[in-house]
Amino acid sequence: MKYDLIIIGSGSVGAAAGYYATRAGLKVLMTDAHMPPHQQGSHHGDTRLIRHAYGEGEKYVPLVLRAQTLWEELSTHNEDPIFVRSGVINLGPADSPFLANVAHSAQQWQLNVEQLDAAAIMARWPEIRVPDNYIGLFETDSGFLRSELAIKTWVRLAEEAGCAQLFNCPVTALHHDNDGVTVETADGEYRAKKVLISAGTWVQALVPELPIQPVRKVFAWYQADGRYSMKNNFPAFTGELPNGDQYYGFPAENDALKIGKHNGGQLIHSPEERKPFCRRRQRWFRSVPLPAHYPARHWLLPERRRLYL
């Protein structure tokens, strides 16, 4: 059989593409070197932040608002929600360029964003401590996504719609000709009119000429006592430290708190370089002053490492 489209890598992008392309009437083959969702890409770790008033620039706002509509539609296919409307509090110095962009995006697109000074932030969320010169921009309608549940849902819906799927089977080579593309796998060769390579940081194995630099990023869960939980109305957050470092976090299952660092990271060239936190994770968490009064016990929950492009 010759497919209209073969997807190489069925993580966040590939799983979504497989579902929507199949729904649009194309003959699709989804492939992945592992069984998605898995921990070899950039989608694991259970949750991802979704912000509407984008601090990276207002040009992203129409894209994320369209994505929000699709997330809510996807959530209707599950008993458990994929999108969780926790709100997102963006924290930083009053003169932060990032927060200025958040405010500008909110104004241009008439988004539901509330500005608070330091005293108001700490009054509403006593679990947060910020310097007097900090402000917060609270996105009421934003929150976080359950990324692994989303991938499971796309994979299931794609299969139900008739999409062919080949998982736990790496693609080893591609060959282009005037009639399309041949995809070589451990299971044999497959033909398609077009190929979508959504292999994330592993794309250079198939397209080595791409100027891609994988970066190791880390996040971890810390056991708390309920003060950082959804039951306590604790929001997802972003936080810019006085030195410019940027962190983010979410309420997590069983009263835990998930925290990750957005900037920085370790340049890597092989999967073996994705080292764990080891003993540094306690010191790393103590360097994040935004969540206050965290318990001194029950530190060591599993950390995760993921890769950015």
Protein backbone atom coordinates (compact mmCIF):
# COMPACT_ATOMS: atom_id res chain seq x y z
CA MET A 1 0.00 0.00 0.00
CA LYS A 2 1.14 3.52 -0.74
CA TYR A 3 0.13 6.00 1.95
CA ASP A 4 -0.70 9.63 1.49
CA LEU A 5 1.38 10.45 4.55
CA ILE A 6 3.84 8.61 6.80
CA ILE A 7 4.55 10.23 10.15
CA ILE A 8 7.93 9.52 11.74
CA GLY A 9 7.70 10.22 15.47
CA SER A 10 4.28 10.09 17.12
CA GLY A 11 4.77 12.35 20.11
CA SER A 12 3.04 15.69 20.62
CA VAL A 13 3.23 16.81 16.99
CA GLY A 14 3.11 13.44 15.27
CA ALA A 15 0.18 12.02 17.24
CA ALA A 16 -1.88 15.14 16.60
CA ALA A 17 -0.96 15.15 12.92
CA GLY A 18 -1.85 11.48 12.59
CA TYR A 19 -5.30 12.01 14.05
CA TYR A 20 -6.22 15.18 12.18
CA ALA A 21 -4.79 13.97 8.85
CA THR A 22 -6.73 10.72 9.13
CA ARG A 23 -9.86 12.62 10.09
CA ALA A 24 -9.37 14.76 6.97
CA GLY A 25 -9.50 11.63 4.78
CA LEU A 26 -5.83 10.87 4.17
CA LYS A 27 -4.34 7.37 4.28
CA VAL A 28 -1.85 7.72 7.11
CA LEU A 29 0.81 5.54 8.74
CA MET A 30 2.02 6.70 12.15
CA THR A 31 5.41 5.35 13.27
CA ASP A 32 7.53 5.68 16.39
CA ALA A 33 10.70 4.05 17.66
CA HIS A 34 8.90 3.46 20.98
CA MET A 35 5.31 3.12 22.20
CA PRO A 36 3.89 6.64 22.58
CA PRO A 37 3.68 8.22 25.02
CA HIS A 38 7.18 7.46 26.30
CA GLN A 39 10.17 9.09 27.99
CA GLN A 40 12.53 9.30 25.01
CA GLY A 41 11.21 12.55 23.56
CA SER A 42 9.99 15.93 24.78
CA HIS A 43 6.40 15.17 25.77
CA HIS A 44 6.70 13.16 28.98
CA GLY A 45 6.33 14.46 32.52
CA ASP A 46 2.51 14.49 32.60
CA THR A 47 1.86 18.23 32.27
CA ARG A 48 2.69 21.27 30.16
CA LEU A 49 1.84 24.92 30.72
CA ILE A 50 -0.55 26.67 28.34
CA ARG A 51 -0.52 30.47 28.38
CA HIS A 52 -2.68 32.77 26.27
CA ALA A 53 -1.07 36.18 26.89
CA TYR A 54 2.25 35.17 25.39
CA GLY A 55 5.32 36.89 26.78
CA GLU A 56 7.30 35.71 23.77
CA GLY A 57 5.23 38.01 21.54
CA GLU A 58 1.63 38.69 20.57
CA LYS A 59 2.10 36.94 17.22
CA TYR A 60 1.64 33.65 19.09
CA VAL A 61 -1.71 34.60 20.60
CA PRO A 62 -3.99 33.62 17.68
CA LEU A 63 -2.16 30.30 17.45
CA VAL A 64 -2.58 29.49 21.13
CA LEU A 65 -6.23 30.56 21.14
CA ARG A 66 -6.89 28.21 18.22
CA ALA A 67 -4.97 25.51 20.09
CA GLN A 68 -7.12 26.16 23.16
CA THR A 69 -10.25 25.44 21.13
CA LEU A 70 -8.75 22.17 19.88
CA TRP A 71 -7.63 21.15 23.40
CA GLU A 72 -11.12 21.65 24.72
CA GLU A 73 -12.56 19.63 21.85
CA LEU A 74 -10.05 16.85 22.47
CA SER A 75 -10.97 16.81 26.15
CA THR A 76 -14.52 15.78 25.24
CA HIS A 77 -13.15 12.38 24.18
CA ASN A 78 -11.96 11.52 27.72
CA GLU A 79 -13.48 11.15 31.13
CA ASP A 80 -10.42 12.88 32.60
CA PRO A 81 -9.78 16.43 31.35
CA ILE A 82 -6.76 17.12 29.16
CA PHE A 83 -6.89 20.86 29.86
CA VAL A 84 -6.97 21.99 33.50
CA ARG A 85 -8.03 25.61 34.03
CA SER A 86 -5.85 26.36 37.06
CA GLY A 87 -4.98 29.90 36.02
CA VAL A 88 -1.37 30.99 35.48
CA ILE A 89 0.35 33.65 37.58
CA ASN A 90 3.32 35.21 35.79
CA LEU A 91 5.77 36.64 38.35
CA GLY A 92 8.71 38.96 37.87
CA PRO A 93 10.20 42.42 38.41
CA ALA A 94 7.91 45.29 37.47
CA ASP A 95 10.32 46.29 34.68
CA SER A 96 10.51 42.77 33.18
CA PRO A 97 10.37 42.84 29.35
CA PHE A 98 8.67 39.42 29.45
CA LEU A 99 5.85 40.71 31.66
CA ALA A 100 5.56 43.82 29.49
CA ASN A 101 4.96 41.52 26.52
CA VAL A 102 2.39 39.53 28.52
CA ALA A 103 0.51 42.76 29.33
CA HIS A 104 0.72 43.92 25.71
CA SER A 105 -0.58 40.61 24.37
CA ALA A 106 -3.44 40.71 26.86
CA GLN A 107 -4.37 44.25 25.87
CA GLN A 108 -4.17 43.64 22.12
CA TRP A 109 -6.34 40.51 22.30
CA GLN A 110 -8.59 41.59 25.19
CA LEU A 111 -7.58 38.61 27.31
CA ASN A 112 -8.67 38.09 30.90
CA VAL A 113 -5.45 39.09 32.72
CA GLU A 114 -5.28 40.72 36.15
CA GLN A 115 -2.26 42.69 37.39
CA LEU A 116 -1.30 42.43 41.07
CA ASP A 117 1.45 44.06 43.11
CA ALA A 118 3.66 42.09 45.48
CA ALA A 119 1.39 42.56 48.50
CA ALA A 120 -1.69 41.43 46.56
CA ILE A 121 0.13 38.36 45.22
CA MET A 122 1.16 37.22 48.70
CA ALA A 123 -2.27 37.98 50.14
CA ARG A 124 -4.05 35.85 47.54
CA TRP A 125 -1.46 33.05 47.59
CA PRO A 126 0.37 33.00 50.95
CA GLU A 127 2.44 30.11 49.59
CA ILE A 128 4.26 32.57 47.28
CA ARG A 129 6.91 35.05 48.43
CA VAL A 130 8.21 37.75 46.09
CA PRO A 131 10.28 40.93 46.53
CA ASP A 132 8.48 44.26 46.92
CA ASN A 133 9.37 45.33 43.37
CA TYR A 134 7.63 42.30 41.82
CA ILE A 135 4.28 42.20 40.06
CA GLY A 136 2.09 39.33 38.94
CA LEU A 137 -0.01 39.00 35.80
CA PHE A 138 -2.69 36.40 36.44
CA GLU A 139 -4.19 34.65 33.40
CA THR A 140 -7.52 33.40 34.73
CA ASP A 141 -8.42 31.33 31.66
CA SER A 142 -5.05 29.60 31.22
CA GLY A 143 -3.70 26.53 32.98
CA PHE A 144 -1.95 23.32 32.12
CA LEU A 145 -2.34 20.35 29.80
CA ARG A 146 -1.94 16.65 30.50
CA SER A 147 0.51 16.00 27.68
CA GLU A 148 0.77 12.22 27.95
CA LEU A 149 -3.00 11.82 28.18
CA ALA A 150 -3.33 13.99 25.06
CA ILE A 151 -0.98 11.71 23.11
CA LYS A 152 -2.80 8.59 24.27
CA THR A 153 -6.06 10.15 23.14
CA TRP A 154 -4.76 11.16 19.70
CA VAL A 155 -3.27 7.71 19.14
CA ARG A 156 -6.53 6.01 20.12
CA LEU A 157 -8.71 8.34 18.05
CA ALA A 158 -6.43 8.01 15.02
CA GLU A 159 -6.61 4.23 15.20
CA GLU A 160 -10.40 4.33 15.55
CA ALA A 161 -10.54 6.59 12.46
CA GLY A 162 -8.56 4.04 10.41
CA CYS A 163 -4.99 5.25 10.77
CA ALA A 164 -2.31 2.54 10.43
CA GLN A 165 0.19 2.51 13.29
CA LEU A 166 3.67 1.02 13.59
CA PHE A 167 5.19 1.51 17.03
CA ASN A 168 8.28 0.15 18.78
CA CYS A 169 9.85 0.15 15.31
CA PRO A 170 12.58 2.70 14.47
CA VAL A 171 12.84 4.24 11.02
CA THR A 172 16.35 3.64 9.72
CA ALA A 173 16.46 5.50 6.40
CA LEU A 174 14.51 7.60 3.89
CA HIS A 175 14.77 7.50 0.10
CA HIS A 176 13.18 10.15 -2.10
CA ASP A 177 12.26 9.76 -5.75
CA ASN A 178 9.89 11.37 -8.24
CA ASP A 179 7.03 9.17 -7.07
CA GLY A 180 7.30 9.90 -3.34
CA VAL A 181 9.28 8.57 -0.39
CA THR A 182 10.40 5.11 0.74
CA VAL A 183 10.65 4.70 4.50
CA GLU A 184 12.89 1.90 5.76
CA THR A 185 12.09 0.37 9.14
CA ALA A 186 13.04 -2.72 11.11
CA ASP A 187 9.69 -4.11 9.93
CA GLY A 188 10.28 -3.49 6.23
CA GLU A 189 9.79 -0.72 3.66
CA TYR A 190 6.77 1.56 3.35
CA ARG A 191 5.85 4.03 0.60
CA ALA A 192 4.13 7.39 0.83
CA LYS A 193 3.49 10.49 -1.22
CA LYS A 194 4.78 12.62 1.65
CA VAL A 195 6.57 12.19 4.97
CA LEU A 196 6.26 14.24 8.14
CA ILE A 197 9.36 13.93 10.32
CA SER A 198 8.29 14.86 13.85
CA ALA A 199 11.10 13.08 15.67
CA GLY A 200 12.06 16.07 17.81
CA THR A 201 15.70 16.18 18.79
CA TRP A 202 16.35 12.83 17.08
CA VAL A 203 15.59 14.28 13.63
CA GLN A 204 19.29 14.49 12.74
CA ALA A 205 19.46 10.70 12.55
CA LEU A 206 17.38 11.01 9.37
CA VAL A 207 18.21 14.56 8.24
CA PRO A 208 21.78 15.15 9.45
CA GLU A 209 22.16 18.42 7.56
CA LEU A 210 19.61 20.19 9.78
CA PRO A 211 21.32 22.63 12.19
CA ILE A 212 19.68 21.15 15.31
CA GLN A 213 21.21 21.34 18.79
CA PRO A 214 19.48 19.21 21.45
CA VAL A 215 19.36 20.80 24.91
CA ARG A 216 18.79 18.84 28.12
CA LYS A 217 16.17 20.46 30.38
CA VAL A 218 15.19 19.28 33.82
CA PHE A 219 12.10 19.33 36.01
CA ALA A 220 11.18 17.52 39.18
CA TRP A 221 8.35 16.85 41.60
CA TYR A 222 8.55 17.74 45.27
CA GLN A 223 6.23 16.29 47.85
CA ALA A 224 4.31 18.92 49.81
CA ASP A 225 1.45 18.95 52.26
CA GLY A 226 -1.41 20.25 50.11
CA ARG A 227 -0.65 23.96 50.08
CA TYR A 228 0.47 23.83 46.42
CA SER A 229 -2.50 21.76 45.28
CA MET A 230 -5.52 22.50 43.11
CA LYS A 231 -7.66 21.82 46.20
CA ASN A 232 -5.98 24.88 47.74
CA ASN A 233 -6.53 26.90 44.52
CA PHE A 234 -2.81 27.13 43.89
CA PRO A 235 -2.19 28.18 40.26
CA ALA A 236 0.34 27.19 37.68
CA PHE A 237 3.07 29.82 37.55
CA THR A 238 6.04 31.29 35.75
CA GLY A 239 8.70 33.13 37.71
CA GLU A 240 11.56 35.36 36.66
CA LEU A 241 14.28 35.66 39.31
CA PRO A 242 16.27 38.87 39.87
CA ASN A 243 19.23 37.27 38.07
CA GLY A 244 17.10 36.58 34.99
CA ASP A 245 16.60 32.84 35.49
CA GLN A 246 13.12 31.66 34.54
CA TYR A 247 11.19 28.89 36.29
CA TYR A 248 7.71 27.45 35.94
CA GLY A 249 5.57 25.10 37.97
CA PHE A 250 2.26 23.28 38.40
CA PRO A 251 0.17 21.68 41.09
CA ALA A 252 0.74 17.93 40.71
CA GLU A 253 -0.87 14.69 41.81
CA ASN A 254 -1.00 13.73 45.49
CA ASP A 255 -0.22 17.25 46.73
CA ALA A 256 3.15 17.39 44.97
CA LEU A 257 4.60 20.46 43.25
CA LYS A 258 6.27 20.22 39.84
CA ILE A 259 8.99 22.78 39.03
CA GLY A 260 11.13 23.21 35.92
CA LYS A 261 13.71 25.66 34.68
CA HIS A 262 12.98 27.31 31.34
CA ASN A 263 16.24 29.01 30.45
CA GLY A 264 19.69 27.46 30.32
CA GLY A 265 20.17 23.76 29.85
CA GLN A 266 22.90 21.33 28.88
CA LEU A 267 23.89 20.95 25.25
CA ILE A 268 24.03 17.24 24.45
CA HIS A 269 24.84 15.05 21.47
CA SER A 270 23.62 11.61 22.56
CA PRO A 271 20.90 10.12 24.79
CA GLU A 272 23.55 8.89 27.22
CA GLU A 273 24.30 12.49 28.19
CA ARG A 274 20.84 12.95 29.79
CA LYS A 275 22.07 12.66 33.37
CA PRO A 276 19.76 12.67 36.43
CA PHE A 277 19.68 15.32 39.16
CA CYS A 278 21.11 13.05 41.85
CA ARG A 279 21.72 15.00 45.06
CA ARG A 280 21.54 18.44 43.46
CA ARG A 281 17.76 18.60 43.22
CA GLN A 282 17.25 19.76 46.84
CA ARG A 283 19.76 22.58 46.40
CA TRP A 284 18.21 23.41 43.02
CA PHE A 285 14.72 23.73 44.51
CA ARG A 286 15.98 25.91 47.37
CA SER A 287 17.35 28.32 44.74
CA VAL A 288 13.77 29.04 43.64
CA PRO A 289 12.47 31.58 46.18
CA LEU A 290 9.02 32.04 44.67
CA PRO A 291 7.17 29.14 46.37
CA ALA A 292 7.57 29.81 50.10
CA HIS A 293 7.41 27.61 53.19
CA TYR A 294 7.93 24.36 51.31
CA PRO A 295 8.20 21.34 53.64
CA ALA A 296 11.73 20.25 54.47
CA ARG A 297 10.88 16.55 54.23
CA HIS A 298 9.79 14.17 51.47
CA TRP A 299 12.04 15.61 48.77
CA LEU A 300 12.96 12.79 46.50
CA LEU A 301 10.24 12.18 43.97
CA PRO A 302 11.19 11.03 40.44
CA GLU A 303 12.71 13.75 38.29
CA ARG A 304 12.52 13.86 34.49
CA ARG A 305 14.80 15.05 31.74
CA ARG A 306 13.48 16.15 28.38
CA LEU A 307 15.01 17.59 25.25
CA TYR A 308 14.42 20.91 23.50
CA LEU A 309 15.45 22.02 20.06
